[in-house]
C-alpha atoms as a PDB file:
ATOM      1  CA  UNK A   1       0.000   0.000   0.000  1.00  0.00           C
ATOM      2  CA  UNK A   2       1.309   3.448  -0.927  1.00  0.00           C
ATOM      3  CA  UNK A   3       2.219   5.873   1.841  1.00  0.00           C
ATOM      4  CA  UNK A   4      -0.232   8.748   2.077  1.00  0.00           C
ATOM      5  CA  UNK A   5       0.902  12.122   0.749  1.00  0.00           C
ATOM      6  CA  UNK A   6      -0.361  15.114   2.748  1.00  0.00           C
ATOM      7  CA  UNK A   7      -1.561  18.047   0.650  1.00  0.00           C
ATOM      8  CA  UNK A   8      -2.789  21.372   2.032  1.00  0.00           C
ATOM      9  CA  UNK A   9      -5.154  23.309  -0.253  1.00  0.00           C
ATOM     10  CA  UNK A  10      -5.439  26.962   0.808  1.00  0.00           C
ATOM     11  CA  UNK A  11      -8.238  28.740  -1.056  1.00  0.00           C
ATOM     12  CA  UNK A  12     -11.133  30.872   0.175  1.00  0.00           C
ATOM     13  CA  UNK A  13     -13.216  30.022  -2.909  1.00  0.00           C
ATOM     14  CA  UNK A  14     -14.888  27.117  -1.171  1.00  0.00           C
ATOM     15  CA  UNK A  15     -16.668  25.669  -4.185  1.00  0.00           C
ATOM     16  CA  UNK A  16     -13.429  25.429  -6.177  1.00  0.00           C
ATOM     17  CA  UNK A  17     -11.466  24.139  -3.178  1.00  0.00           C
ATOM     18  CA  UNK A  18     -13.960  21.390  -2.403  1.00  0.00           C
ATOM     19  CA  UNK A  19     -14.142  20.375  -6.053  1.00  0.00           C
ATOM     20  CA  UNK A  20     -10.372  20.304  -6.527  1.00  0.00           C
ATOM     21  CA  UNK A  21      -9.927  18.405  -3.258  1.00  0.00           C
ATOM     22  CA  UNK A  22     -12.447  15.782  -4.365  1.00  0.00           C
ATOM     23  CA  UNK A  23     -10.742  15.557  -7.761  1.00  0.00           C
ATOM     24  CA  UNK A  24      -7.316  14.956  -6.216  1.00  0.00           C
ATOM     25  CA  UNK A  25      -8.651  12.373  -3.783  1.00  0.00           C
ATOM     26  CA  UNK A  26     -10.463  10.493  -6.546  1.00  0.00           C
ATOM     27  CA  UNK A  27      -7.523  10.526  -8.953  1.00  0.00           C
ATOM     28  CA  UNK A  28      -4.869   9.358  -6.484  1.00  0.00           C
ATOM     29  CA  UNK A  29      -5.759   7.104  -3.554  1.00  0.00           C
ATOM     30  CA  UNK A  30      -2.532   8.069  -1.756  1.00  0.00           C
ATOM     31  CA  UNK A  31      -3.449  11.788  -1.574  1.00  0.00           C
ATOM     32  CA  UNK A  32      -4.797  13.097   1.732  1.00  0.00           C
ATOM     33  CA  UNK A  33      -6.068  16.636   1.124  1.00  0.00           C
ATOM     34  CA  UNK A  34      -6.752  19.179   3.878  1.00  0.00           C
ATOM     35  CA  UNK A  35      -8.691  22.289   2.811  1.00  0.00           C
ATOM     36  CA  UNK A  36      -8.172  25.678   4.480  1.00  0.00           C
ATOM     37  CA  UNK A  37     -10.402  28.641   3.613  1.00  0.00           C
ATOM     38  CA  UNK A  38      -8.561  31.041   5.961  1.00  0.00           C
ATOM     39  CA  UNK A  39      -4.836  31.697   5.373  1.00  0.00           C
ATOM     40  CA  UNK A  40      -4.205  32.574   9.026  1.00  0.00           C
ATOM     41  CA  UNK A  41      -5.696  29.280  10.194  1.00  0.00           C
ATOM     42  CA  UNK A  42      -3.518  27.439   7.691  1.00  0.00           C
ATOM     43  CA  UNK A  43      -0.356  29.160   8.926  1.00  0.00           C
ATOM     44  CA  UNK A  44      -1.205  28.241  12.524  1.00  0.00           C
ATOM     45  CA  UNK A  45      -1.686  24.607  11.539  1.00  0.00           C
ATOM     46  CA  UNK A  46       1.357  24.625   9.274  1.00  0.00           C
ATOM     47  CA  UNK A  47       3.620  25.799  12.074  1.00  0.00           C
ATOM     48  CA  UNK A  48       2.476  23.061  14.441  1.00  0.00           C
ATOM     49  CA  UNK A  49       1.800  20.155  12.078  1.00  0.00           C
ATOM     50  CA  UNK A  50       4.246  17.747  10.440  1.00  0.00           C
ATOM     51  CA  UNK A  51       5.492  18.958   7.080  1.00  0.00           C
ATOM     52  CA  UNK A  52       3.068  18.734   4.157  1.00  0.00           C
ATOM     53  CA  UNK A  53       4.252  17.025   0.999  1.00  0.00           C
ATOM     54  CA  UNK A  54       2.661  19.810  -1.058  1.00  0.00           C
ATOM     55  CA  UNK A  55       0.865  23.103  -0.500  1.00  0.00           C
ATOM     56  CA  UNK A  56      -1.553  24.324  -3.166  1.00  0.00           C
ATOM     57  CA  UNK A  57      -2.093  28.035  -2.621  1.00  0.00           C
ATOM     58  CA  UNK A  58      -4.483  30.549  -4.174  1.00  0.00           C
ATOM     59  CA  UNK A  59      -2.875  33.825  -5.223  1.00  0.00           C
ATOM     60  CA  UNK A  60      -5.901  36.049  -4.599  1.00  0.00           C
ATOM     61  CA  UNK A  61      -7.731  35.682  -1.276  1.00  0.00           C
ATOM     62  CA  UNK A  62      -9.889  38.179   0.566  1.00  0.00           C
ATOM     63  CA  UNK A  63      -8.052  38.191   3.891  1.00  0.00           C
ATOM     64  CA  UNK A  64      -4.440  37.810   2.781  1.00  0.00           C
ATOM     65  CA  UNK A  65      -2.254  38.045  -0.314  1.00  0.00           C
ATOM     66  CA  UNK A  66      -1.206  34.562  -1.405  1.00  0.00           C
ATOM     67  CA  UNK A  67       2.356  35.782  -1.933  1.00  0.00           C
ATOM     68  CA  UNK A  68       2.510  36.756   1.738  1.00  0.00           C
ATOM     69  CA  UNK A  69       1.433  33.254   2.724  1.00  0.00           C
ATOM     70  CA  UNK A  70       4.074  31.840   0.376  1.00  0.00           C
ATOM     71  CA  UNK A  71       6.736  34.011   2.028  1.00  0.00           C
ATOM     72  CA  UNK A  72       5.647  32.805   5.482  1.00  0.00           C
ATOM     73  CA  UNK A  73       5.852  29.173   4.343  1.00  0.00           C
ATOM     74  CA  UNK A  74       9.363  29.777   3.033  1.00  0.00           C
ATOM     75  CA  UNK A  75      10.347  31.384   6.341  1.00  0.00           C
ATOM     76  CA  UNK A  76       9.214  28.357   8.366  1.00  0.00           C
ATOM     77  CA  UNK A  77       9.830  25.304   6.188  1.00  0.00           C
ATOM     78  CA  UNK A  78      11.651  26.353   3.010  1.00  0.00           C
ATOM     79  CA  UNK A  79      11.763  22.865   1.489  1.00  0.00           C
ATOM     80  CA  UNK A  80       7.986  22.444   1.375  1.00  0.00           C
ATOM     81  CA  UNK A  81       6.901  22.564  -2.304  1.00  0.00           C
ATOM     82  CA  UNK A  82       4.186  25.081  -3.196  1.00  0.00           C
ATOM     83  CA  UNK A  83       1.948  25.171  -6.278  1.00  0.00           C
ATOM     84  CA  UNK A  84       0.266  28.538  -6.865  1.00  0.00           C
ATOM     85  CA  UNK A  85      -3.212  28.860  -8.384  1.00  0.00           C
ATOM     86  CA  UNK A  86      -5.207  31.843  -9.597  1.00  0.00           C
ATOM     87  CA  UNK A  87      -8.453  32.607 -11.350  1.00  0.00           C
ATOM     88  CA  UNK A  88      -7.543  36.186 -12.306  1.00  0.00           C
ATOM     89  CA  UNK A  89      -7.623  37.042 -15.987  1.00  0.00           C
ATOM     90  CA  UNK A  90      -4.417  39.061 -16.125  1.00  0.00           C
ATOM     91  CA  UNK A  91      -0.764  38.102 -16.194  1.00  0.00           C
ATOM     92  CA  UNK A  92       0.290  36.386 -12.943  1.00  0.00           C
ATOM     93  CA  UNK A  93       3.384  37.600 -11.030  1.00  0.00           C
ATOM     94  CA  UNK A  94       5.487  34.597 -12.036  1.00  0.00           C
ATOM     95  CA  UNK A  95       8.820  36.283 -11.281  1.00  0.00           C
ATOM     96  CA  UNK A  96       7.764  37.023  -7.712  1.00  0.00           C
ATOM     97  CA  UNK A  97       6.400  33.508  -7.266  1.00  0.00           C
ATOM     98  CA  UNK A  98       9.746  32.089  -8.360  1.00  0.00           C
ATOM     99  CA  UNK A  99      11.677  34.510  -6.143  1.00  0.00           C
ATOM    100  CA  UNK A 100       9.657  33.406  -3.138  1.00  0.00           C
ATOM    101  CA  UNK A 101      10.285  29.758  -3.921  1.00  0.00           C
ATOM    102  CA  UNK A 102       7.073  28.494  -5.550  1.00  0.00           C
ATOM    103  CA  UNK A 103       7.546  25.351  -7.622  1.00  0.00           C
ATOM    104  CA  UNK A 104       4.776  26.063 -10.099  1.00  0.00           C
ATOM    105  CA  UNK A 105       1.697  27.949 -11.218  1.00  0.00           C
ATOM    106  CA  UNK A 106      -1.519  26.760 -12.854  1.00  0.00           C
ATOM    107  CA  UNK A 107      -4.529  28.857 -13.788  1.00  0.00           C
ATOM    108  CA  UNK A 108      -7.855  27.660 -12.380  1.00  0.00           C
ATOM    109  CA  UNK A 109      -9.313  27.511 -15.871  1.00  0.00           C
ATOM    110  CA  UNK A 110      -6.831  24.784 -16.841  1.00  0.00           C
ATOM    111  CA  UNK A 111      -8.294  21.407 -17.680  1.00  0.00           C
ATOM    112  CA  UNK A 112      -8.289  18.543 -15.196  1.00  0.00           C
ATOM    113  CA  UNK A 113      -5.332  16.834 -16.829  1.00  0.00           C
ATOM    114  CA  UNK A 114      -3.143  19.917 -16.549  1.00  0.00           C
ATOM    115  CA  UNK A 115      -4.013  20.448 -12.880  1.00  0.00           C
ATOM    116  CA  UNK A 116      -3.261  16.840 -11.971  1.00  0.00           C
ATOM    117  CA  UNK A 117      -0.076  16.840 -14.075  1.00  0.00           C
ATOM    118  CA  UNK A 118       1.205  19.947 -12.273  1.00  0.00           C
ATOM    119  CA  UNK A 119       0.641  18.300  -8.891  1.00  0.00           C
ATOM    120  CA  UNK A 120       2.401  15.112 -10.019  1.00  0.00           C
ATOM    121  CA  UNK A 121       5.379  16.995 -11.479  1.00  0.00           C
ATOM    122  CA  UNK A 122       5.944  19.039  -8.325  1.00  0.00           C
ATOM    123  CA  UNK A 123       5.553  16.041  -6.017  1.00  0.00           C
ATOM    124  CA  UNK A 124       8.198  14.323  -8.146  1.00  0.00           C
ATOM    125  CA  UNK A 125      10.588  17.217  -7.471  1.00  0.00           C
ATOM    126  CA  UNK A 126      10.063  19.197 -10.675  1.00  0.00           C
ATOM    127  CA  UNK A 127       8.693  22.634 -11.486  1.00  0.00           C
ATOM    128  CA  UNK A 128       5.673  23.650 -13.550  1.00  0.00           C
ATOM    129  CA  UNK A 129       5.411  27.209 -14.857  1.00  0.00           C
ATOM    130  CA  UNK A 130       4.835  26.466 -18.523  1.00  0.00           C
ATOM    131  CA  UNK A 131       1.308  25.138 -18.957  1.00  0.00           C
ATOM    132  CA  UNK A 132      -0.876  26.278 -21.896  1.00  0.00           C
ATOM    133  CA  UNK A 133      -2.883  28.697 -19.749  1.00  0.00           C
ATOM    134  CA  UNK A 134       0.279  30.292 -18.351  1.00  0.00           C
ATOM    135  CA  UNK A 135       1.693  30.819 -21.847  1.00  0.00           C
ATOM    136  CA  UNK A 136      -1.544  32.402 -23.086  1.00  0.00           C
ATOM    137  CA  UNK A 137      -1.656  34.760 -20.114  1.00  0.00           C
ATOM    138  CA  UNK A 138       2.000  35.693 -20.503  1.00  0.00           C
ATOM    139  CA  UNK A 139       1.398  36.608 -24.151  1.00  0.00           C
ATOM    140  CA  UNK A 140      -1.556  38.756 -23.123  1.00  0.00           C
ATOM    141  CA  UNK A 141       0.835  40.938 -21.101  1.00  0.00           C
ATOM    142  CA  UNK A 142      -1.721  42.918 -19.106  1.00  0.00           C
ATOM    143  CA  UNK A 143       0.923  44.999 -17.377  1.00  0.00           C
ATOM    144  CA  UNK A 144      -1.561  47.257 -15.623  1.00  0.00           C
ATOM    145  CA  UNK A 145      -2.840  44.457 -13.419  1.00  0.00           C
ATOM    146  CA  UNK A 146      -2.581  45.271  -9.725  1.00  0.00           C
ATOM    147  CA  UNK A 147      -0.858  41.976  -8.959  1.00  0.00           C
ATOM    148  CA  UNK A 148       1.988  42.777 -11.297  1.00  0.00           C
ATOM    149  CA  UNK A 149       2.579  46.118  -9.605  1.00  0.00           C
ATOM    150  CA  UNK A 150       2.499  44.455  -6.198  1.00  0.00           C
ATOM    151  CA  UNK A 151       4.917  41.772  -7.307  1.00  0.00           C
ATOM    152  CA  UNK A 152       7.536  44.422  -8.011  1.00  0.00           C
ATOM    153  CA  UNK A 153       7.506  45.477  -4.371  1.00  0.00           C
ATOM    154  CA  UNK A 154       9.555  43.776  -1.696  1.00  0.00           C
ATOM    155  CA  UNK A 155       7.075  42.125   0.637  1.00  0.00           C
ATOM    156  CA  UNK A 156       7.965  42.492   4.327  1.00  0.00           C
ATOM    157  CA  UNK A 157       9.189  39.419   6.183  1.00  0.00           C
ATOM    158  CA  UNK A 158       6.612  38.645   8.853  1.00  0.00           C
ATOM    159  CA  UNK A 159       6.265  35.413  10.790  1.00  0.00           C
ATOM    160  CA  UNK A 160       2.986  33.485  11.153  1.00  0.00           C
ATOM    161  CA  UNK A 161       2.283  34.941  14.614  1.00  0.00           C
ATOM    162  CA  UNK A 162       2.906  38.469  13.348  1.00  0.00           C
ATOM    163  CA  UNK A 163       0.589  37.890  10.393  1.00  0.00           C
ATOM    164  CA  UNK A 164      -2.026  36.609  12.823  1.00  0.00           C
ATOM    165  CA  UNK A 165      -1.673  39.722  14.993  1.00  0.00           C
ATOM    166  CA  UNK A 166      -1.782  41.946  11.914  1.00  0.00           C
ATOM    167  CA  UNK A 167      -5.013  40.250  10.833  1.00  0.00           C
ATOM    168  CA  UNK A 168      -6.575  40.900  14.256  1.00  0.00           C
ATOM    169  CA  UNK A 169      -5.376  44.508  14.187  1.00  0.00           C
ATOM    170  CA  UNK A 170      -7.136  44.870  10.866  1.00  0.00           C
ATOM    171  CA  UNK A 171     -10.341  43.681  12.553  1.00  0.00           C
ATOM    172  CA  UNK A 172     -10.005  46.486  15.111  1.00  0.00           C
ATOM    173  CA  UNK A 173      -8.850  44.328  18.019  1.00  0.00           C
ATOM    174  CA  UNK A 174      -7.035  46.064  20.881  1.00  0.00           C
ATOM    175  CA  UNK A 175      -3.782  44.782  22.351  1.00  0.00           C
ATOM    176  CA  UNK A 176      -5.760  43.288  25.231  1.00  0.00           C
ATOM    177  CA  UNK A 177      -8.189  41.611  22.814  1.00  0.00           C
ATOM    178  CA  UNK A 178      -5.312  40.164  20.795  1.00  0.00           C
ATOM    179  CA  UNK A 179      -3.559  38.862  23.907  1.00  0.00           C
ATOM    180  CA  UNK A 180      -6.748  37.159  25.069  1.00  0.00           C
ATOM    181  CA  UNK A 181      -7.565  35.580  21.724  1.00  0.00           C
ATOM    182  CA  UNK A 182      -4.033  34.284  21.168  1.00  0.00           C
ATOM    183  CA  UNK A 183      -3.433  33.358  24.810  1.00  0.00           C
ATOM    184  CA  UNK A 184      -0.263  35.441  25.066  1.00  0.00           C
ATOM    185  CA  UNK A 185       0.707  38.415  27.236  1.00  0.00           C
ATOM    186  CA  UNK A 186       0.126  42.025  26.216  1.00  0.00           C
ATOM    187  CA  UNK A 187       3.895  42.564  26.403  1.00  0.00           C
ATOM    188  CA  UNK A 188       4.341  39.806  23.836  1.00  0.00           C
ATOM    189  CA  UNK A 189       1.716  41.457  21.628  1.00  0.00           C
ATOM    190  CA  UNK A 190       3.536  44.792  21.909  1.00  0.00           C
ATOM    191  CA  UNK A 191       6.841  43.131  21.046  1.00  0.00           C
ATOM    192  CA  UNK A 192       5.341  41.602  17.911  1.00  0.00           C
ATOM    193  CA  UNK A 193       3.745  44.924  16.997  1.00  0.00           C
ATOM    194  CA  UNK A 194       7.096  46.690  17.214  1.00  0.00           C
ATOM    195  CA  UNK A 195       8.479  44.148  14.762  1.00  0.00           C
ATOM    196  CA  UNK A 196       5.450  44.631  12.491  1.00  0.00           C
ATOM    197  CA  UNK A 197       5.817  48.425  12.563  1.00  0.00           C
ATOM    198  CA  UNK A 198       9.504  48.100  11.721  1.00  0.00           C
ATOM    199  CA  UNK A 199       8.863  45.666   8.864  1.00  0.00           C
ATOM    200  CA  UNK A 200       6.201  47.960   7.401  1.00  0.00           C
ATOM    201  CA  UNK A 201       8.257  51.107   8.053  1.00  0.00           C
ATOM    202  CA  UNK A 202       5.382  52.609  10.052  1.00  0.00           C
ATOM    203  CA  UNK A 203       5.278  54.562  13.298  1.00  0.00           C
ATOM    204  CA  UNK A 204       1.565  54.495  14.109  1.00  0.00           C
ATOM    205  CA  UNK A 205      -1.132  51.846  14.106  1.00  0.00           C
ATOM    206  CA  UNK A 206      -3.109  53.736  11.439  1.00  0.00           C
ATOM    207  CA  UNK A 207      -0.103  54.034   9.139  1.00  0.00           C
ATOM    208  CA  UNK A 208       0.670  50.370   9.689  1.00  0.00           C
ATOM    209  CA  UNK A 209      -2.866  49.356   8.698  1.00  0.00           C
ATOM    210  CA  UNK A 210      -2.759  51.486   5.561  1.00  0.00           C
ATOM    211  CA  UNK A 211       0.578  50.006   4.507  1.00  0.00           C
ATOM    212  CA  UNK A 212      -0.650  46.476   5.210  1.00  0.00           C
ATOM    213  CA  UNK A 213      -3.772  47.056   3.098  1.00  0.00           C
ATOM    214  CA  UNK A 214      -1.716  48.523   0.248  1.00  0.00           C
ATOM    215  CA  UNK A 215       0.481  45.418   0.213  1.00  0.00           C
ATOM    216  CA  UNK A 216      -2.458  43.043   0.414  1.00  0.00           C
ATOM    217  CA  UNK A 217      -1.462  41.747   3.849  1.00  0.00           C
ATOM    218  CA  UNK A 218      -4.957  42.312   5.241  1.00  0.00           C
END
């Protein structure tokens, strides 16, 4: 019997995620797929759980930029392979994906065979950035797309706990609220916030939130 391969699918488009998860499970009996609709919850699990054999990560999510999640994965467990997905119609930030260590990219409109092939190639240790959909999108060259402009920026290096605190800050939580929800001291919260402010080159909470929103961190 084949050893099970653990795959994390991080995508807040639940219908697509459930469908892709079912597809993977039906195509390969040795795939165990865990679906996460919230990036922060995934990062918490990722930090505590044994290493996944593959992470499949959506580029565009409501609560967090997929590139930020990719950077956090690289910070914690740099050898974990990541396949990026996107349903956007413009050119994807392939250069930034590669810089951050992604092993491949597939558009969500790709056919079933291409999606499965990309997963198989990456699990075998290869890379996959050259599918038909990727080539078509690259030729389209929609340079005005917001994701391309964001990909040219250097994303700040924030750890999973700092991203979690940043997410709660974006929800309007006070330091006391954050400490209670994360079961840590207020001093620890303040220490993380100082690191967040420094990473985002901000001196006030308001400025920090604006910078985080501009970068797609929240």
